[in-house]
């Protein structure tokens, strides 16, 4: 999922450099959402991940 966030960020940067502001804004928004989802899932997996068996 982090890979997709980076891909959309690169698309946003390229689109912004070429002057496509609508596409750049949309791609940047998608990248932000995917990054937040990745962080939330990462934290949940850290909290509820494998625990040592006693």
N, C-alpha and C. Protein backbone atom coordinates (compact mmCIF):
# COMPACT_ATOMS: atom_id res chain seq x y z
N UNK A 1 0.82 -1.18 0.00
CA UNK A 1 0.00 0.00 0.00
C UNK A 1 0.87 1.25 0.00
N UNK A 2 1.98 1.19 0.71
CA UNK A 2 2.88 2.33 0.70
C UNK A 2 3.43 2.56 -0.71
N UNK A 3 3.61 1.49 -1.44
CA UNK A 3 4.08 1.59 -2.83
C UNK A 3 3.11 2.42 -3.66
N UNK A 4 1.81 2.17 -3.52
CA UNK A 4 0.81 2.93 -4.28
C UNK A 4 0.81 4.40 -3.89
N UNK A 5 1.01 4.68 -2.60
CA UNK A 5 1.07 6.08 -2.16
C UNK A 5 2.25 6.79 -2.80
N UNK A 6 3.39 6.11 -2.88
CA UNK A 6 4.57 6.72 -3.51
C UNK A 6 4.34 6.90 -5.01
N UNK A 7 3.70 5.93 -5.66
CA UNK A 7 3.41 6.05 -7.10
C UNK A 7 2.52 7.26 -7.36
N UNK A 8 1.46 7.43 -6.57
CA UNK A 8 0.58 8.57 -6.78
C UNK A 8 1.28 9.88 -6.46
N UNK A 9 2.19 9.87 -5.50
CA UNK A 9 2.96 11.08 -5.20
C UNK A 9 3.86 11.45 -6.37
N UNK A 10 4.50 10.48 -6.98
CA UNK A 10 5.34 10.75 -8.15
C UNK A 10 4.50 11.25 -9.31
N UNK A 11 3.32 10.65 -9.52
CA UNK A 11 2.42 11.12 -10.59
C UNK A 11 2.02 12.57 -10.32
N UNK A 12 1.73 12.90 -9.05
CA UNK A 12 1.35 14.26 -8.70
C UNK A 12 2.48 15.24 -8.97
N UNK A 13 3.71 14.85 -8.62
CA UNK A 13 4.85 15.74 -8.84
C UNK A 13 5.10 15.96 -10.33
N UNK A 14 5.00 14.92 -11.12
CA UNK A 14 5.20 15.06 -12.56
C UNK A 14 4.10 15.91 -13.18
N UNK A 15 2.85 15.66 -12.77
CA UNK A 15 1.73 16.43 -13.31
C UNK A 15 1.84 17.90 -12.91
N UNK A 16 2.29 18.16 -11.69
CA UNK A 16 2.46 19.55 -11.24
C UNK A 16 3.56 20.24 -12.03
N UNK A 17 4.64 19.51 -12.31
CA UNK A 17 5.74 20.11 -13.07
C UNK A 17 5.32 20.43 -14.50
N UNK A 18 4.40 19.63 -15.05
CA UNK A 18 3.94 19.86 -16.41
C UNK A 18 2.75 20.82 -16.49
N UNK A 19 2.23 21.23 -15.34
CA UNK A 19 1.17 22.22 -15.33
C UNK A 19 -0.25 21.66 -15.30
N UNK A 20 -0.40 20.38 -15.07
CA UNK A 20 -1.74 19.79 -14.98
C UNK A 20 -2.20 19.85 -13.53
N UNK A 21 -2.75 20.99 -13.13
CA UNK A 21 -3.05 21.20 -11.71
C UNK A 21 -4.18 20.30 -11.21
N UNK A 22 -5.17 20.03 -12.02
CA UNK A 22 -6.29 19.17 -11.59
C UNK A 22 -5.84 17.75 -11.32
N UNK A 23 -5.06 17.21 -12.23
CA UNK A 23 -4.56 15.84 -12.08
C UNK A 23 -3.58 15.78 -10.91
N UNK A 24 -2.75 16.79 -10.76
CA UNK A 24 -1.78 16.81 -9.66
C UNK A 24 -2.48 16.85 -8.31
N UNK A 25 -3.51 17.65 -8.20
CA UNK A 25 -4.25 17.73 -6.94
C UNK A 25 -4.95 16.44 -6.59
N UNK A 26 -5.53 15.80 -7.59
CA UNK A 26 -6.21 14.53 -7.36
C UNK A 26 -5.22 13.45 -6.96
N UNK A 27 -4.11 13.35 -7.67
CA UNK A 27 -3.11 12.34 -7.35
C UNK A 27 -2.50 12.59 -5.98
N UNK A 28 -2.27 13.83 -5.63
CA UNK A 28 -1.73 14.13 -4.31
C UNK A 28 -2.72 13.78 -3.21
N UNK A 29 -4.00 14.03 -3.45
CA UNK A 29 -5.03 13.65 -2.48
C UNK A 29 -5.10 12.16 -2.27
N UNK A 30 -5.02 11.40 -3.35
CA UNK A 30 -5.03 9.94 -3.26
C UNK A 30 -3.80 9.46 -2.51
N UNK A 31 -2.64 10.06 -2.78
CA UNK A 31 -1.41 9.67 -2.09
C UNK A 31 -1.51 9.94 -0.59
N UNK A 32 -2.10 11.06 -0.21
CA UNK A 32 -2.27 11.37 1.21
C UNK A 32 -3.17 10.36 1.89
N UNK A 33 -4.28 10.03 1.25
CA UNK A 33 -5.23 9.07 1.83
C UNK A 33 -4.58 7.70 1.99
N UNK A 34 -3.88 7.24 0.96
CA UNK A 34 -3.23 5.93 1.04
C UNK A 34 -2.14 5.91 2.10
N UNK A 35 -1.41 7.01 2.27
CA UNK A 35 -0.37 7.08 3.28
C UNK A 35 -0.98 7.00 4.67
N UNK A 36 -2.07 7.71 4.90
CA UNK A 36 -2.73 7.68 6.20
C UNK A 36 -3.26 6.28 6.50
N UNK A 37 -3.87 5.64 5.50
CA UNK A 37 -4.36 4.28 5.68
C UNK A 37 -3.20 3.33 6.00
N UNK A 38 -2.07 3.50 5.31
CA UNK A 38 -0.90 2.67 5.58
C UNK A 38 -0.42 2.86 7.02
N UNK A 39 -0.34 4.09 7.48
CA UNK A 39 0.12 4.36 8.85
C UNK A 39 -0.83 3.74 9.87
N UNK A 40 -2.14 3.87 9.65
CA UNK A 40 -3.12 3.30 10.58
C UNK A 40 -2.98 1.78 10.62
N UNK A 41 -2.89 1.14 9.45
CA UNK A 41 -2.75 -0.31 9.43
C UNK A 41 -1.44 -0.77 10.06
N UNK A 42 -0.38 0.00 9.86
CA UNK A 42 0.90 -0.32 10.47
C UNK A 42 0.81 -0.28 11.99
N UNK A 43 0.19 0.78 12.51
CA UNK A 43 0.06 0.89 13.96
C UNK A 43 -0.82 -0.20 14.54
N UNK A 44 -1.91 -0.55 13.85
CA UNK A 44 -2.78 -1.63 14.31
C UNK A 44 -2.02 -2.94 14.32
N UNK A 45 -1.22 -3.19 13.29
CA UNK A 45 -0.45 -4.44 13.26
C UNK A 45 0.62 -4.46 14.34
N UNK A 46 1.16 -3.31 14.69
CA UNK A 46 2.14 -3.27 15.77
C UNK A 46 1.49 -3.55 17.13
N UNK A 47 0.27 -3.07 17.32
CA UNK A 47 -0.43 -3.25 18.59
C UNK A 47 -0.99 -4.66 18.71
N UNK A 48 -1.67 -5.14 17.67
CA UNK A 48 -2.35 -6.43 17.73
C UNK A 48 -1.61 -7.53 16.98
N UNK A 49 -0.35 -7.32 16.70
CA UNK A 49 0.43 -8.30 15.95
C UNK A 49 0.73 -9.54 16.77
N UNK A 50 1.70 -10.29 16.32
CA UNK A 50 2.07 -11.51 17.03
C UNK A 50 2.57 -11.19 18.43
N UNK A 51 2.07 -11.93 19.36
CA UNK A 51 2.52 -11.78 20.73
C UNK A 51 3.20 -13.09 21.13
N UNK A 52 4.19 -13.01 21.95
CA UNK A 52 4.88 -14.24 22.34
C UNK A 52 3.95 -15.16 23.13
N UNK A 53 3.98 -16.43 22.79
CA UNK A 53 3.13 -17.39 23.51
C UNK A 53 3.80 -17.76 24.82
N UNK A 54 2.99 -17.88 25.83
CA UNK A 54 3.53 -18.15 27.17
C UNK A 54 3.38 -19.61 27.50
